[in-house]
Amino acid sequence: MQTAAAKRGNARGNTRPAPTRAVQHGDASLSDSAVTASAKPPRRSHAQAREEAINQIIDVATQEFVEKGLAGARIDEIAGRATKRKIYYYFDGKDELYRAVLERAYRRVRESEDAVDTGSGTALEALRRLIEHDVRYHSQHPELVRLVMNENIHRAEHLKQIEGLPQGNRKVIELLGKLIARGVAEGSMRADIDPVDLHLNMTALSFYNVSNQFTFAHNFGVDMTSPEAVERRARQVADIIIAWVTRRD
């Protein structure tokens, strides 16, 4: 599309394009086209677009699997908000999509633990931060709890098919092992604490108030999901585990 200046030049028989107006910016001159181009958001790469599409499908599929389990979930229901053609473009079928949901759920909880500050302060202080984080994370992500419960019904049949998942999950065991070693060196922790046992207790005590929230609320009239209840639970779980790992001479 020609500018008005270019049209006027053509009307006079001047076929040269009109000069581009420059915009002064400090010592540099930017053309209108350069300014316009710089104002445009960067284009997504093919890899970014692919990852975004896959995550959108997994978001929808997660809710379907959480609500209905693997057996009850239907690709047609998931495709109500993410087209069926797109689903089958990225996934071979329901089982592969389910494994992708599981893999992302586990990866995200491990990534969240990696982000916790476990390097500053004493080992017991670092462990407390990690424990309280786990309680909050499970409360904020009940879908993780439901997915784990569903997969245990299937005896981890689908987890076993996810390559590299055990190695990714063992990162938290390595982290806890380092915290225990640090605590022993500081003289604050028992030397006989197994990091797997520590992780088991942290997860179990973070899990129950989410997995049993409805039956517990019905039987005892307690809302275990309120912000106050979650923070109280986080402190309680940390107190329990810290008391267990603390060295007593």
Protein backbone atom coordinates (compact mmCIF):
# COMPACT_ATOMS: atom_id res chain seq x y z
CA MET A 1 0.00 0.00 0.00
CA GLN A 2 1.45 3.39 -1.06
CA THR A 3 1.80 6.31 1.27
CA ALA A 4 0.15 9.62 0.41
CA ALA A 5 3.57 11.10 -0.37
CA ALA A 6 4.33 8.30 -2.81
CA LYS A 7 1.01 8.79 -4.59
CA ARG A 8 1.70 12.48 -5.03
CA GLY A 9 5.13 11.72 -6.49
CA ASN A 10 3.65 9.29 -8.97
CA ALA A 11 1.06 11.89 -10.06
CA ARG A 12 3.92 14.28 -10.99
CA GLY A 13 5.65 11.57 -12.98
CA ASN A 14 8.22 11.00 -10.27
CA THR A 15 8.47 7.25 -9.82
CA ARG A 16 10.96 7.41 -6.97
CA PRO A 17 9.47 6.24 -3.68
CA ALA A 18 8.84 8.94 -1.15
CA PRO A 19 11.53 9.19 1.49
CA THR A 20 10.72 7.40 4.68
CA ARG A 21 10.17 9.75 7.58
CA ALA A 22 12.76 9.22 10.26
CA VAL A 23 12.20 9.36 13.99
CA GLN A 24 15.05 10.65 16.08
CA HIS A 25 15.90 8.45 19.05
CA GLY A 26 19.00 9.69 20.80
CA ASP A 27 21.83 9.54 18.26
CA ALA A 28 20.07 6.96 16.05
CA SER A 29 17.38 7.45 13.40
CA LEU A 30 14.66 4.84 13.10
CA SER A 31 12.34 4.60 10.12
CA ASP A 32 8.58 4.32 10.54
CA SER A 33 8.75 0.71 9.42
CA ALA A 34 11.46 -0.07 11.96
CA VAL A 35 9.46 1.56 14.75
CA THR A 36 6.37 -0.42 13.73
CA ALA A 37 8.34 -3.66 13.57
CA SER A 38 9.89 -3.07 16.97
CA ALA A 39 6.46 -2.43 18.47
CA LYS A 40 5.13 -5.80 17.32
CA PRO A 41 5.33 -8.67 19.80
CA PRO A 42 7.95 -11.28 18.88
CA ARG A 43 6.60 -14.16 16.85
CA ARG A 44 6.40 -17.48 18.62
CA SER A 45 8.71 -20.17 17.39
CA HIS A 46 7.30 -23.47 16.15
CA ALA A 47 8.56 -25.15 19.34
CA GLN A 48 6.83 -22.55 21.54
CA ALA A 49 3.56 -22.90 19.63
CA ARG A 50 3.77 -26.68 19.90
CA GLU A 51 4.43 -26.57 23.65
CA GLU A 52 1.55 -24.16 24.18
CA ALA A 53 -0.85 -26.37 22.23
CA ILE A 54 0.21 -29.48 24.14
CA ASN A 55 -0.17 -27.74 27.51
CA GLN A 56 -3.65 -26.54 26.60
CA ILE A 57 -4.68 -30.09 25.75
CA ILE A 58 -3.13 -31.43 28.97
CA ASP A 59 -4.92 -28.74 31.02
CA VAL A 60 -8.30 -29.92 29.73
CA ALA A 61 -7.37 -33.60 29.93
CA THR A 62 -6.20 -33.24 33.54
CA GLN A 63 -9.66 -32.12 34.65
CA GLU A 64 -11.32 -34.94 32.74
CA PHE A 65 -9.04 -37.61 34.23
CA VAL A 66 -9.31 -36.13 37.73
CA GLU A 67 -13.11 -36.13 37.59
CA LYS A 68 -13.67 -39.48 35.86
CA GLY A 69 -10.45 -41.47 36.11
CA LEU A 70 -8.78 -43.14 33.17
CA ALA A 71 -11.61 -45.61 32.51
CA GLY A 72 -14.36 -43.00 32.59
CA ALA A 73 -12.58 -40.24 30.68
CA ARG A 74 -13.55 -39.75 27.03
CA ILE A 75 -11.51 -38.16 24.27
CA ASP A 76 -14.76 -36.65 22.91
CA GLU A 77 -15.27 -34.78 26.19
CA ILE A 78 -11.70 -33.48 26.16
CA ALA A 79 -12.15 -32.49 22.52
CA GLY A 80 -15.13 -30.32 23.50
CA ARG A 81 -12.60 -27.59 24.29
CA ALA A 82 -9.57 -28.89 22.40
CA THR A 83 -10.27 -30.19 18.93
CA LYS A 84 -10.09 -33.94 18.42
CA ARG A 85 -7.85 -33.55 15.39
CA LYS A 86 -5.34 -31.56 17.43
CA ILE A 87 -5.38 -34.17 20.20
CA TYR A 88 -4.59 -36.99 17.79
CA TYR A 89 -1.95 -34.86 16.09
CA TYR A 90 0.07 -34.78 19.32
CA PHE A 91 -1.03 -37.99 21.06
CA ASP A 92 -1.68 -41.53 19.83
CA GLY A 93 -4.72 -41.94 22.06
CA LYS A 94 -6.18 -41.69 25.54
CA ASP A 95 -3.50 -43.76 27.27
CA GLU A 96 -0.66 -41.65 25.92
CA LEU A 97 -2.50 -38.47 26.86
CA TYR A 98 -3.03 -39.83 30.37
CA ARG A 99 0.68 -40.54 30.69
CA ALA A 100 1.44 -36.99 29.57
CA VAL A 101 -0.88 -35.68 32.29
CA LEU A 102 0.86 -37.79 34.93
CA GLU A 103 4.34 -36.83 33.73
CA ARG A 104 3.58 -33.11 33.88
CA ALA A 105 1.97 -33.35 37.32
CA TYR A 106 5.02 -35.07 38.79
CA ARG A 107 7.45 -32.79 36.97
CA ARG A 108 5.75 -29.67 38.26
CA VAL A 109 5.82 -30.72 41.91
CA ARG A 110 9.53 -31.55 41.61
CA GLU A 111 10.19 -28.19 39.91
CA SER A 112 8.34 -26.41 42.71
CA GLU A 113 10.54 -28.12 45.31
CA ASP A 114 13.66 -27.12 43.39
CA ALA A 115 12.53 -23.49 43.69
CA VAL A 116 12.38 -23.61 47.51
CA ASP A 117 15.27 -21.89 49.27
CA THR A 118 17.07 -24.78 50.95
CA GLY A 119 20.52 -23.20 50.86
CA SER A 120 20.20 -20.46 53.46
CA GLY A 121 19.94 -20.78 57.23
CA THR A 122 20.37 -24.00 59.15
CA ALA A 123 19.43 -27.43 57.82
CA LEU A 124 16.39 -27.57 60.12
CA GLU A 125 15.21 -24.16 58.91
CA ALA A 126 15.64 -25.25 55.28
CA LEU A 127 13.80 -28.50 55.94
CA ARG A 128 10.93 -26.61 57.56
CA ARG A 129 10.57 -24.39 54.49
CA LEU A 130 10.47 -27.45 52.25
CA ILE A 131 7.92 -29.27 54.41
CA GLU A 132 5.60 -26.26 54.60
CA HIS A 133 5.93 -25.80 50.86
CA ASP A 134 4.87 -29.42 50.24
CA VAL A 135 1.77 -29.01 52.40
CA ARG A 136 0.78 -25.83 50.59
CA TYR A 137 1.51 -27.29 47.16
CA HIS A 138 -0.69 -30.35 47.69
CA SER A 139 -3.49 -28.13 48.99
CA GLN A 140 -3.19 -25.83 45.98
CA HIS A 141 -3.01 -28.73 43.52
CA PRO A 142 -5.66 -31.28 44.50
CA GLU A 143 -5.47 -32.64 40.94
CA LEU A 144 -2.06 -34.11 41.80
CA VAL A 145 -3.54 -35.99 44.75
CA ARG A 146 -6.44 -37.34 42.68
CA LEU A 147 -4.14 -38.43 39.86
CA VAL A 148 -1.83 -40.25 42.27
CA MET A 149 -4.81 -41.97 43.90
CA ASN A 150 -6.13 -43.05 40.48
CA GLU A 151 -2.74 -44.35 39.38
CA ASN A 152 -2.38 -46.40 42.55
CA ILE A 153 -5.64 -48.11 41.65
CA HIS A 154 -3.88 -49.12 38.42
CA ARG A 155 -0.81 -50.29 40.41
CA ALA A 156 1.38 -47.65 38.70
CA GLU A 157 0.82 -49.38 35.37
CA HIS A 158 1.07 -46.13 33.41
CA LEU A 159 3.83 -44.55 35.49
CA LYS A 160 6.02 -47.52 34.61
CA GLN A 161 5.71 -46.57 30.94
CA ILE A 162 6.97 -42.99 31.42
CA GLU A 163 10.66 -42.99 30.60
CA GLY A 164 12.86 -41.14 33.07
CA LEU A 165 10.12 -40.45 35.62
CA PRO A 166 11.74 -42.31 38.54
CA GLN A 167 15.00 -40.45 37.95
CA GLY A 168 13.18 -37.12 38.00
CA ASN A 169 11.34 -37.98 41.20
CA ARG A 170 14.52 -39.13 42.93
CA LYS A 171 15.85 -35.58 42.82
CA VAL A 172 13.89 -34.83 45.98
CA ILE A 173 15.55 -37.81 47.70
CA GLU A 174 18.95 -36.40 46.78
CA LEU A 175 17.91 -33.00 48.13
CA LEU A 176 16.70 -34.48 51.41
CA GLY A 177 19.87 -36.56 51.70
CA LYS A 178 21.96 -33.40 51.46
CA LEU A 179 19.81 -31.66 54.08
CA ILE A 180 20.20 -34.61 56.45
CA ALA A 181 23.96 -34.68 55.94
CA ARG A 182 24.09 -30.93 56.60
CA GLY A 183 21.99 -31.29 59.71
CA VAL A 184 24.19 -34.08 61.02
CA ALA A 185 27.28 -31.94 60.41
CA GLU A 186 25.63 -29.06 62.28
CA GLY A 187 24.79 -31.41 65.13
CA SER A 188 21.04 -30.78 64.86
CA MET A 189 19.79 -33.94 63.08
CA ARG A 190 19.88 -37.64 63.79
CA ALA A 191 22.27 -39.61 61.61
CA ASP A 192 19.89 -42.56 61.18
CA ILE A 193 17.22 -40.71 59.16
CA ASP A 194 16.65 -42.27 55.74
CA PRO A 195 15.78 -39.63 53.08
CA VAL A 196 13.18 -41.98 51.55
CA ASP A 197 11.48 -42.31 54.95
CA LEU A 198 11.62 -38.53 55.32
CA HIS A 199 10.01 -38.00 51.92
CA LEU A 200 7.37 -40.63 52.68
CA ASN A 201 6.34 -38.90 55.90
CA MET A 202 6.35 -35.45 54.30
CA THR A 203 4.13 -36.63 51.45
CA ALA A 204 1.79 -38.67 53.63
CA LEU A 205 1.18 -35.78 56.01
CA SER A 206 0.66 -33.37 53.10
CA PHE A 207 -1.69 -35.76 51.32
CA TYR A 208 -4.40 -36.74 53.81
CA ASN A 209 -5.95 -33.32 54.33
CA VAL A 210 -6.50 -33.12 50.56
CA SER A 211 -7.47 -36.72 49.75
CA ASN A 212 -9.93 -36.95 52.67
CA GLN A 213 -11.12 -33.36 52.81
CA PHE A 214 -14.76 -34.15 51.96
CA THR A 215 -15.29 -37.09 54.32
CA PHE A 216 -13.39 -35.35 57.11
CA ALA A 217 -15.43 -32.17 56.65
CA HIS A 218 -18.69 -34.16 56.72
CA ASN A 219 -17.78 -36.18 59.81
CA PHE A 220 -16.19 -33.42 61.87
CA GLY A 221 -17.44 -30.17 60.37
CA VAL A 222 -13.91 -28.95 59.62
CA ASP A 223 -12.98 -27.01 56.49
CA MET A 224 -9.51 -28.27 55.65
CA THR A 225 -9.17 -26.10 52.54
CA SER A 226 -9.36 -22.59 53.97
CA PRO A 227 -6.13 -20.54 53.89
CA GLU A 228 -6.03 -20.54 57.68
CA ALA A 229 -6.45 -24.32 57.86
CA VAL A 230 -3.73 -24.89 55.26
CA GLU A 231 -1.24 -22.66 57.08
CA ARG A 232 -2.05 -24.33 60.40
CA ARG A 233 -1.56 -27.74 58.79
CA ALA A 234 1.75 -26.65 57.25
CA ARG A 235 3.08 -25.60 60.66
CA GLN A 236 1.80 -28.76 62.34
CA VAL A 237 3.36 -31.10 59.78
CA ALA A 238 6.66 -29.25 59.97
CA ASP A 239 6.60 -29.43 63.79
CA ILE A 240 5.92 -33.18 63.72
CA ILE A 241 8.69 -34.00 61.27
CA ILE A 242 11.24 -31.61 62.78
CA ALA A 243 10.63 -33.22 66.18
CA TRP A 244 11.29 -36.65 64.63
CA VAL A 245 14.55 -35.77 62.85
CA THR A 246 16.02 -33.61 65.63
CA ARG A 247 18.99 -35.06 67.43
CA ARG A 248 18.57 -35.71 71.13
CA ASP A 249 21.67 -36.30 73.26
